[in-house]
């Protein structure tokens, strides 16, 4: 976006070639439009990345992950290894290829179905709208080996998890047993600090 013409109710746009577009809201509508703020990120070979927007024409799905295998500064491009051996070369100056981010961090919702050798969970006790038994259990169960949980207030976090089920009562039985052991471990007076070793190679 290069400017706004209020007299015409138009937004002035410019594409990557410099061609200008007089986009009039009344004529083209605004219901299907989206605005983005560009942010600079550093990319290196070996980085884990993900697409952050659906693009059916290119076969991309929001949250789809890959690994950067090569960077070519001369052409400003990145080679990405995706699932099932698929390889894509992203021209980083193309706006369609700029909907990407590092994929080292994910919400509990986005992490469903994923696994990793080791995981770290950031759980603020004040963010009660983000913490419930279901999301907490999803976060804890992503690791194959160990999980480390970091919180600012253990007692408040335990209370928030116990008060918010996040699922229908009829489905609670499937998660309450492991949850009881985990919340008991968190609230144990014998534990010190914000981390505690739990059985099965899991640190909380």
Protein backbone atom coordinates (compact mmCIF):
# COMPACT_ATOMS: atom_id res chain seq x y z
CA UNK A 1 0.00 0.00 0.00
CA UNK A 2 1.44 3.35 -1.03
CA UNK A 3 -1.38 5.70 -0.10
CA UNK A 4 -5.07 6.36 0.54
CA UNK A 5 -7.37 8.58 -1.53
CA UNK A 6 -10.30 9.41 0.77
CA UNK A 7 -12.13 11.41 -1.91
CA UNK A 8 -12.39 8.30 -4.08
CA UNK A 9 -12.60 5.81 -1.20
CA UNK A 10 -9.61 4.15 -2.81
CA UNK A 11 -6.39 2.54 -1.65
CA UNK A 12 -3.31 3.00 -3.79
CA UNK A 13 -1.33 -0.21 -4.22
CA UNK A 14 1.93 -1.10 -5.95
CA UNK A 15 3.01 -4.62 -6.95
CA UNK A 16 6.57 -5.98 -6.97
CA UNK A 17 7.16 -4.61 -10.48
CA UNK A 18 6.17 -1.09 -9.47
CA UNK A 19 2.82 -1.16 -11.30
CA UNK A 20 0.24 0.93 -9.42
CA UNK A 21 -3.34 -0.11 -8.74
CA UNK A 22 -6.19 2.20 -7.81
CA UNK A 23 -8.23 -0.19 -5.63
CA UNK A 24 -11.68 1.24 -4.94
CA UNK A 25 -13.49 -0.31 -2.01
CA UNK A 26 -17.01 0.41 -3.29
CA UNK A 27 -16.23 -1.21 -6.64
CA UNK A 28 -14.17 -4.20 -5.58
CA UNK A 29 -15.41 -4.67 -2.03
CA UNK A 30 -13.40 -5.18 1.12
CA UNK A 31 -15.00 -8.30 2.65
CA UNK A 32 -12.41 -10.68 1.17
CA UNK A 33 -9.38 -8.45 1.61
CA UNK A 34 -6.58 -8.88 4.12
CA UNK A 35 -3.82 -6.54 5.26
CA UNK A 36 -0.40 -7.63 6.49
CA UNK A 37 2.55 -5.92 8.12
CA UNK A 38 5.92 -7.05 6.78
CA UNK A 39 8.51 -8.06 9.35
CA UNK A 40 12.15 -8.91 8.74
CA UNK A 41 13.31 -12.37 9.78
CA UNK A 42 16.71 -14.00 9.35
CA UNK A 43 16.79 -17.29 7.47
CA UNK A 44 19.63 -19.80 7.42
CA UNK A 45 20.12 -23.31 6.11
CA UNK A 46 18.84 -25.75 8.72
CA UNK A 47 16.08 -23.47 10.02
CA UNK A 48 12.65 -24.96 10.60
CA UNK A 49 9.94 -22.87 8.93
CA UNK A 50 6.23 -22.92 8.24
CA UNK A 51 3.77 -21.27 5.91
CA UNK A 52 1.39 -18.90 7.67
CA UNK A 53 -1.31 -18.61 5.01
CA UNK A 54 -3.29 -20.97 2.82
CA UNK A 55 -2.49 -20.82 -0.90
CA UNK A 56 -4.44 -23.42 -2.82
CA UNK A 57 -2.87 -22.54 -6.17
CA UNK A 58 0.57 -23.34 -4.77
CA UNK A 59 -0.62 -26.27 -2.65
CA UNK A 60 0.26 -24.62 0.64
CA UNK A 61 -1.58 -24.95 3.93
CA UNK A 62 -1.36 -22.63 6.91
CA UNK A 63 0.93 -24.38 9.43
CA UNK A 64 2.63 -26.60 6.84
CA UNK A 65 6.21 -27.10 7.95
CA UNK A 66 9.53 -27.55 6.21
CA UNK A 67 13.28 -27.16 6.61
CA UNK A 68 15.42 -24.64 4.78
CA UNK A 69 18.21 -26.53 3.06
CA UNK A 70 19.88 -23.67 1.17
CA UNK A 71 19.93 -19.89 0.90
CA UNK A 72 21.06 -18.01 -2.23
CA UNK A 73 21.66 -14.34 -1.39
CA UNK A 74 22.41 -13.48 -5.03
CA UNK A 75 18.90 -14.47 -6.15
CA UNK A 76 17.27 -13.82 -2.77
CA UNK A 77 15.81 -17.31 -2.73
CA UNK A 78 15.48 -20.16 -0.25
CA UNK A 79 15.24 -23.88 -0.96
CA UNK A 80 12.78 -25.65 1.35
CA UNK A 81 12.42 -29.38 1.99
CA UNK A 82 8.77 -30.19 2.70
CA UNK A 83 7.02 -33.42 3.66
CA UNK A 84 7.27 -36.51 1.45
CA UNK A 85 10.42 -35.26 -0.25
CA UNK A 86 8.81 -32.25 -1.91
CA UNK A 87 11.24 -29.40 -2.54
CA UNK A 88 10.30 -25.78 -3.25
CA UNK A 89 12.40 -22.76 -4.13
CA UNK A 90 10.96 -19.58 -2.63
CA UNK A 91 11.70 -16.26 -4.31
CA UNK A 92 11.70 -14.18 -1.15
CA UNK A 93 10.83 -10.91 -2.92
CA UNK A 94 7.57 -12.43 -4.13
CA UNK A 95 4.77 -11.39 -1.73
CA UNK A 96 3.19 -14.85 -2.02
CA UNK A 97 6.36 -16.37 -0.57
CA UNK A 98 6.56 -13.95 2.33
CA UNK A 99 3.87 -15.65 4.41
CA UNK A 100 6.42 -17.69 6.33
CA UNK A 101 7.77 -17.85 9.87
CA UNK A 102 10.13 -19.93 11.97
CA UNK A 103 8.36 -23.00 13.35
CA UNK A 104 10.21 -23.55 16.62
CA UNK A 105 7.24 -22.23 18.60
CA UNK A 106 3.56 -23.14 18.29
CA UNK A 107 0.36 -22.80 20.26
CA UNK A 108 -1.12 -25.93 21.83
CA UNK A 109 -3.88 -25.82 19.21
CA UNK A 110 -1.40 -25.69 16.32
CA UNK A 111 0.81 -28.37 17.89
CA UNK A 112 -1.89 -31.05 17.89
CA UNK A 113 -0.67 -34.07 15.98
CA UNK A 114 2.98 -33.02 16.11
CA UNK A 115 5.79 -34.64 18.10
CA UNK A 116 9.35 -33.69 19.00
CA UNK A 117 12.17 -35.24 21.01
CA UNK A 118 12.12 -32.41 23.58
CA UNK A 119 9.62 -29.62 24.16
CA UNK A 120 9.40 -26.48 26.28
CA UNK A 121 6.07 -25.10 27.47
CA UNK A 122 5.52 -21.47 28.42
CA UNK A 123 2.39 -21.18 30.59
CA UNK A 124 1.58 -17.86 32.22
CA UNK A 125 -0.73 -18.25 35.20
CA UNK A 126 -2.58 -15.02 34.31
CA UNK A 127 -3.48 -16.24 30.80
CA UNK A 128 -6.44 -18.25 32.04
CA UNK A 129 -8.25 -17.88 28.71
CA UNK A 130 -5.41 -19.87 27.10
CA UNK A 131 -5.04 -22.56 29.74
CA UNK A 132 -7.36 -25.49 30.31
CA UNK A 133 -6.96 -29.21 30.92
CA UNK A 134 -7.22 -30.12 27.25
CA UNK A 135 -4.65 -27.63 25.92
CA UNK A 136 -2.32 -28.35 28.86
CA UNK A 137 -2.44 -32.07 28.19
CA UNK A 138 -1.87 -31.50 24.45
CA UNK A 139 1.21 -29.45 25.24
CA UNK A 140 2.64 -31.99 27.68
CA UNK A 141 2.10 -34.95 25.37
CA UNK A 142 4.00 -33.60 22.34
CA UNK A 143 7.44 -34.77 23.49
CA UNK A 144 8.92 -38.21 22.91
CA UNK A 145 11.60 -37.80 25.59
CA UNK A 146 11.29 -34.78 27.92
CA UNK A 147 9.14 -31.73 28.49
CA UNK A 148 10.10 -28.64 30.49
CA UNK A 149 7.31 -26.41 31.79
CA UNK A 150 7.97 -22.77 32.68
CA UNK A 151 5.46 -20.69 34.64
CA UNK A 152 5.48 -17.56 36.78
CA UNK A 153 3.20 -18.93 39.52
CA UNK A 154 2.81 -22.67 40.05
CA UNK A 155 -0.15 -22.49 42.45
CA UNK A 156 -2.17 -20.18 40.18
CA UNK A 157 -1.39 -22.33 37.15
CA UNK A 158 -2.61 -25.48 38.90
CA UNK A 159 -5.79 -23.70 40.02
CA UNK A 160 -6.46 -22.44 36.49
CA UNK A 161 -6.03 -25.92 34.99
CA UNK A 162 -8.25 -27.57 37.59
CA UNK A 163 -11.02 -24.98 37.11
CA UNK A 164 -11.11 -25.09 33.30
CA UNK A 165 -11.77 -28.42 31.65
CA UNK A 166 -11.75 -27.24 28.02
CA UNK A 167 -13.81 -30.30 27.02
CA UNK A 168 -17.25 -31.69 27.61
CA UNK A 169 -17.67 -33.44 30.94
CA UNK A 170 -18.36 -36.78 29.23
CA UNK A 171 -14.88 -36.72 27.69
CA UNK A 172 -12.99 -35.73 30.81
CA UNK A 173 -12.29 -39.30 31.91
CA UNK A 174 -9.75 -39.79 29.13
CA UNK A 175 -7.50 -37.01 30.40
CA UNK A 176 -8.21 -36.70 34.12
CA UNK A 177 -6.01 -39.64 35.16
CA UNK A 178 -2.76 -38.33 33.63
CA UNK A 179 -3.78 -34.77 34.49
CA UNK A 180 -4.22 -35.64 38.16
CA UNK A 181 -0.69 -36.97 38.40
CA UNK A 182 0.74 -33.95 36.61
CA UNK A 183 -1.13 -31.33 38.64
CA UNK A 184 -0.29 -33.17 41.86
CA UNK A 185 3.37 -33.08 40.84
CA UNK A 186 3.12 -29.36 40.13
CA UNK A 187 1.47 -28.56 43.43
CA UNK A 188 3.66 -30.81 45.59
CA UNK A 189 5.12 -28.80 48.50
CA UNK A 190 8.30 -30.86 48.28
CA UNK A 191 9.14 -29.40 44.88
CA UNK A 192 11.17 -26.23 44.59
CA UNK A 193 11.47 -23.62 41.83
CA UNK A 194 9.54 -23.70 38.59
CA UNK A 195 10.83 -27.08 37.40
CA UNK A 196 10.36 -30.54 38.89
CA UNK A 197 11.36 -34.01 37.75
CA UNK A 198 8.40 -36.31 37.09
CA UNK A 199 8.29 -40.05 36.49
CA UNK A 200 8.82 -41.32 32.97
CA UNK A 201 11.64 -38.92 32.05
CA UNK A 202 9.45 -35.82 32.10
CA UNK A 203 10.57 -32.64 33.84
CA UNK A 204 7.98 -30.12 34.94
